[in-house]
Amino acid sequence: MKTSLIFLLGIGMGTVIGILIAPEAGKITRRKIRDEADRLIDEKIRKRQQHLTSQPDVTKHTTDSGVVTESRYTL
């Protein structure tokens, strides 16, 4: 328990120090973090959709116009 707490504390301190001494402005850093998070979310959604289409018994929820109703941030 003590080791994992120290480990998590170290990760937190490293993150804070890294953000404080970052070579770019906060706005740019936040944009890069958001862009990377969006990229990872899009990749996860794409892989999930590929997995669902490879399974023949899975039903998809679509609207009347045939559009798949899946929220961007719902995994």
N, C-alpha and C. Protein backbone atom coordinates (compact mmCIF):
# COMPACT_ATOMS: atom_id res chain seq x y z
N MET A 1 0.84 -1.20 0.00
CA MET A 1 0.00 0.00 0.00
C MET A 1 0.87 1.25 0.00
N LYS A 2 1.89 1.25 0.85
CA LYS A 2 2.76 2.41 0.96
C LYS A 2 3.54 2.63 -0.34
N THR A 3 3.99 1.55 -0.95
CA THR A 3 4.75 1.65 -2.19
C THR A 3 3.90 2.22 -3.32
N SER A 4 2.67 1.77 -3.43
CA SER A 4 1.80 2.29 -4.50
C SER A 4 1.44 3.75 -4.26
N LEU A 5 1.30 4.14 -3.00
CA LEU A 5 1.03 5.55 -2.70
C LEU A 5 2.21 6.43 -3.09
N ILE A 6 3.41 5.98 -2.78
CA ILE A 6 4.61 6.73 -3.15
C ILE A 6 4.75 6.79 -4.67
N PHE A 7 4.44 5.69 -5.34
CA PHE A 7 4.49 5.66 -6.80
C PHE A 7 3.52 6.68 -7.40
N LEU A 8 2.28 6.69 -6.93
CA LEU A 8 1.28 7.64 -7.45
C LEU A 8 1.67 9.08 -7.14
N LEU A 9 2.23 9.30 -5.96
CA LEU A 9 2.69 10.64 -5.60
C LEU A 9 3.80 11.09 -6.54
N GLY A 10 4.70 10.18 -6.87
CA GLY A 10 5.78 10.49 -7.80
C GLY A 10 5.27 10.83 -9.18
N ILE A 11 4.28 10.09 -9.65
CA ILE A 11 3.68 10.38 -10.95
C ILE A 11 3.04 11.76 -10.94
N GLY A 12 2.31 12.05 -9.88
CA GLY A 12 1.65 13.36 -9.77
C GLY A 12 2.65 14.50 -9.73
N MET A 13 3.69 14.34 -8.94
CA MET A 13 4.71 15.39 -8.84
C MET A 13 5.42 15.58 -10.18
N GLY A 14 5.73 14.49 -10.87
CA GLY A 14 6.38 14.58 -12.17
C GLY A 14 5.51 15.29 -13.19
N THR A 15 4.23 15.03 -13.15
CA THR A 15 3.30 15.69 -14.07
C THR A 15 3.24 17.18 -13.80
N VAL A 16 3.12 17.54 -12.54
CA VAL A 16 3.04 18.97 -12.18
C VAL A 16 4.33 19.69 -12.55
N ILE A 17 5.45 19.11 -12.23
CA ILE A 17 6.73 19.75 -12.55
C ILE A 17 6.90 19.86 -14.07
N GLY A 18 6.53 18.82 -14.78
CA GLY A 18 6.63 18.86 -16.24
C GLY A 18 5.78 19.94 -16.86
N ILE A 19 4.58 20.13 -16.33
CA ILE A 19 3.70 21.19 -16.85
C ILE A 19 4.26 22.57 -16.50
N LEU A 20 4.80 22.71 -15.29
CA LEU A 20 5.31 24.01 -14.87
C LEU A 20 6.54 24.44 -15.67
N ILE A 21 7.38 23.51 -16.06
CA ILE A 21 8.59 23.89 -16.79
C ILE A 21 8.47 23.58 -18.29
N ALA A 22 7.26 23.42 -18.77
CA ALA A 22 7.02 23.12 -20.18
C ALA A 22 7.58 24.24 -21.05
N PRO A 23 8.15 23.89 -22.20
CA PRO A 23 8.77 24.90 -23.07
C PRO A 23 7.75 25.75 -23.84
N GLU A 24 6.49 25.40 -23.80
CA GLU A 24 5.48 26.14 -24.55
C GLU A 24 4.45 26.73 -23.61
N ALA A 25 3.69 27.67 -24.12
CA ALA A 25 2.65 28.31 -23.33
C ALA A 25 1.56 27.31 -22.97
N GLY A 26 0.84 27.61 -21.90
CA GLY A 26 -0.21 26.71 -21.43
C GLY A 26 -1.29 26.45 -22.46
N LYS A 27 -1.65 27.48 -23.22
CA LYS A 27 -2.69 27.33 -24.23
C LYS A 27 -2.27 26.31 -25.28
N ILE A 28 -1.03 26.37 -25.71
CA ILE A 28 -0.53 25.44 -26.72
C ILE A 28 -0.45 24.03 -26.15
N THR A 29 0.03 23.92 -24.92
CA THR A 29 0.14 22.62 -24.27
C THR A 29 -1.22 21.98 -24.09
N ARG A 30 -2.20 22.76 -23.63
CA ARG A 30 -3.55 22.23 -23.46
C ARG A 30 -4.14 21.78 -24.79
N ARG A 31 -3.89 22.54 -25.85
CA ARG A 31 -4.39 22.16 -27.17
C ARG A 31 -3.76 20.84 -27.62
N LYS A 32 -2.46 20.67 -27.40
CA LYS A 32 -1.79 19.42 -27.77
C LYS A 32 -2.36 18.25 -26.98
N ILE A 33 -2.59 18.45 -25.70
CA ILE A 33 -3.17 17.38 -24.87
C ILE A 33 -4.56 17.03 -25.36
N ARG A 34 -5.38 18.06 -25.65
CA ARG A 34 -6.74 17.82 -26.14
C ARG A 34 -6.72 17.11 -27.49
N ASP A 35 -5.83 17.53 -28.40
CA ASP A 35 -5.73 16.90 -29.71
C ASP A 35 -5.32 15.44 -29.59
N GLU A 36 -4.37 15.15 -28.71
CA GLU A 36 -3.93 13.77 -28.52
C GLU A 36 -5.05 12.93 -27.91
N ALA A 37 -5.78 13.50 -26.95
CA ALA A 37 -6.90 12.78 -26.35
C ALA A 37 -7.97 12.50 -27.40
N ASP A 38 -8.28 13.47 -28.23
CA ASP A 38 -9.26 13.27 -29.31
C ASP A 38 -8.81 12.19 -30.28
N ARG A 39 -7.50 12.19 -30.60
CA ARG A 39 -6.97 11.18 -31.51
C ARG A 39 -7.11 9.78 -30.91
N LEU A 40 -6.79 9.65 -29.62
CA LEU A 40 -6.90 8.35 -28.95
C LEU A 40 -8.36 7.89 -28.87
N ILE A 41 -9.27 8.82 -28.60
CA ILE A 41 -10.70 8.49 -28.53
C ILE A 41 -11.19 8.05 -29.90
N ASP A 42 -10.82 8.78 -30.95
CA ASP A 42 -11.23 8.42 -32.30
C ASP A 42 -10.69 7.04 -32.69
N GLU A 43 -9.45 6.76 -32.32
CA GLU A 43 -8.85 5.46 -32.61
C GLU A 43 -9.59 4.34 -31.89
N LYS A 44 -9.94 4.57 -30.63
CA LYS A 44 -10.66 3.57 -29.85
C LYS A 44 -12.05 3.32 -30.45
N ILE A 45 -12.75 4.37 -30.85
CA ILE A 45 -14.07 4.23 -31.45
C ILE A 45 -13.96 3.47 -32.77
N ARG A 46 -12.94 3.80 -33.59
CA ARG A 46 -12.76 3.11 -34.87
C ARG A 46 -12.49 1.62 -34.65
N LYS A 47 -11.63 1.29 -33.68
CA LYS A 47 -11.35 -0.12 -33.40
C LYS A 47 -12.60 -0.84 -32.89
N ARG A 48 -13.38 -0.15 -32.07
CA ARG A 48 -14.61 -0.76 -31.54
C ARG A 48 -15.60 -1.02 -32.67
N GLN A 49 -15.73 -0.06 -33.58
CA GLN A 49 -16.64 -0.24 -34.70
C GLN A 49 -16.18 -1.38 -35.61
N GLN A 50 -14.86 -1.49 -35.82
CA GLN A 50 -14.34 -2.59 -36.62
C GLN A 50 -14.63 -3.92 -35.95
N HIS A 51 -14.48 -3.95 -34.62
CA HIS A 51 -14.74 -5.17 -33.88
C HIS A 51 -16.22 -5.54 -33.96
N LEU A 52 -17.09 -4.55 -33.84
CA LEU A 52 -18.53 -4.82 -33.90
C LEU A 52 -18.96 -5.29 -35.28
N THR A 53 -18.35 -4.73 -36.32
CA THR A 53 -18.73 -5.15 -37.68
C THR A 53 -18.20 -6.53 -38.02
N SER A 54 -17.18 -6.98 -37.30
CA SER A 54 -16.65 -8.32 -37.57
C SER A 54 -17.46 -9.40 -36.88
N GLN A 55 -18.36 -9.03 -35.96
CA GLN A 55 -19.21 -9.99 -35.28
C GLN A 55 -20.59 -10.00 -35.94
N PRO A 56 -21.01 -11.15 -36.49
CA PRO A 56 -22.27 -11.19 -37.25
C PRO A 56 -23.53 -11.03 -36.39
N ASP A 57 -23.51 -11.34 -35.09
CA ASP A 57 -24.71 -11.30 -34.27
C ASP A 57 -24.94 -9.96 -33.56
N VAL A 58 -24.11 -8.98 -33.80
CA VAL A 58 -24.22 -7.71 -33.11
C VAL A 58 -25.16 -6.79 -33.88
N THR A 59 -26.11 -6.20 -33.18
CA THR A 59 -27.03 -5.25 -33.82
C THR A 59 -26.54 -3.84 -33.56
N LYS A 60 -26.68 -2.99 -34.55
CA LYS A 60 -26.26 -1.59 -34.42
C LYS A 60 -27.50 -0.73 -34.27
N HIS A 61 -27.39 0.32 -33.52
CA HIS A 61 -28.48 1.26 -33.35
C HIS A 61 -28.31 2.35 -34.40
N THR A 62 -29.28 2.44 -35.30
CA THR A 62 -29.22 3.46 -36.34
C THR A 62 -30.50 4.28 -36.33
N THR A 63 -30.40 5.49 -36.83
CA THR A 63 -31.57 6.35 -36.96
C THR A 63 -32.33 5.97 -38.22
N ASP A 64 -33.43 6.62 -38.47
CA ASP A 64 -34.23 6.34 -39.66
C ASP A 64 -33.45 6.64 -40.94
N SER A 65 -32.52 7.59 -40.86
CA SER A 65 -31.74 7.93 -42.05
C SER A 65 -30.54 7.00 -42.23
N GLY A 66 -30.36 6.02 -41.33
CA GLY A 66 -29.27 5.06 -41.47
C GLY A 66 -27.98 5.49 -40.79
N VAL A 67 -28.01 6.55 -40.01
CA VAL A 67 -26.81 7.02 -39.34
C VAL A 67 -26.65 6.28 -38.01
N VAL A 68 -25.43 5.82 -37.73
CA VAL A 68 -25.16 5.13 -36.47
C VAL A 68 -25.22 6.14 -35.33
N THR A 69 -25.98 5.83 -34.29
CA THR A 69 -26.13 6.76 -33.16
C THR A 69 -25.17 6.35 -32.05
N GLU A 70 -23.95 6.88 -32.13
CA GLU A 70 -22.95 6.63 -31.11
C GLU A 70 -22.29 7.96 -30.79
N SER A 71 -22.29 8.31 -29.54
CA SER A 71 -21.69 9.56 -29.13
C SER A 71 -20.17 9.48 -29.25
N ARG A 72 -19.55 10.56 -29.59
CA ARG A 72 -18.10 10.60 -29.77
C ARG A 72 -17.36 10.19 -28.51
N TYR A 73 -17.82 10.58 -27.36
CA TYR A 73 -17.10 10.31 -26.12
C TYR A 73 -17.64 9.15 -25.32
N THR A 74 -18.52 8.37 -25.91
CA THR A 74 -19.03 7.18 -25.25
C THR A 74 -18.30 5.98 -25.77
N LEU A 75 -17.59 5.30 -24.88
CA LEU A 75 -16.82 4.13 -25.32
C LEU A 75 -17.47 2.92 -24.80
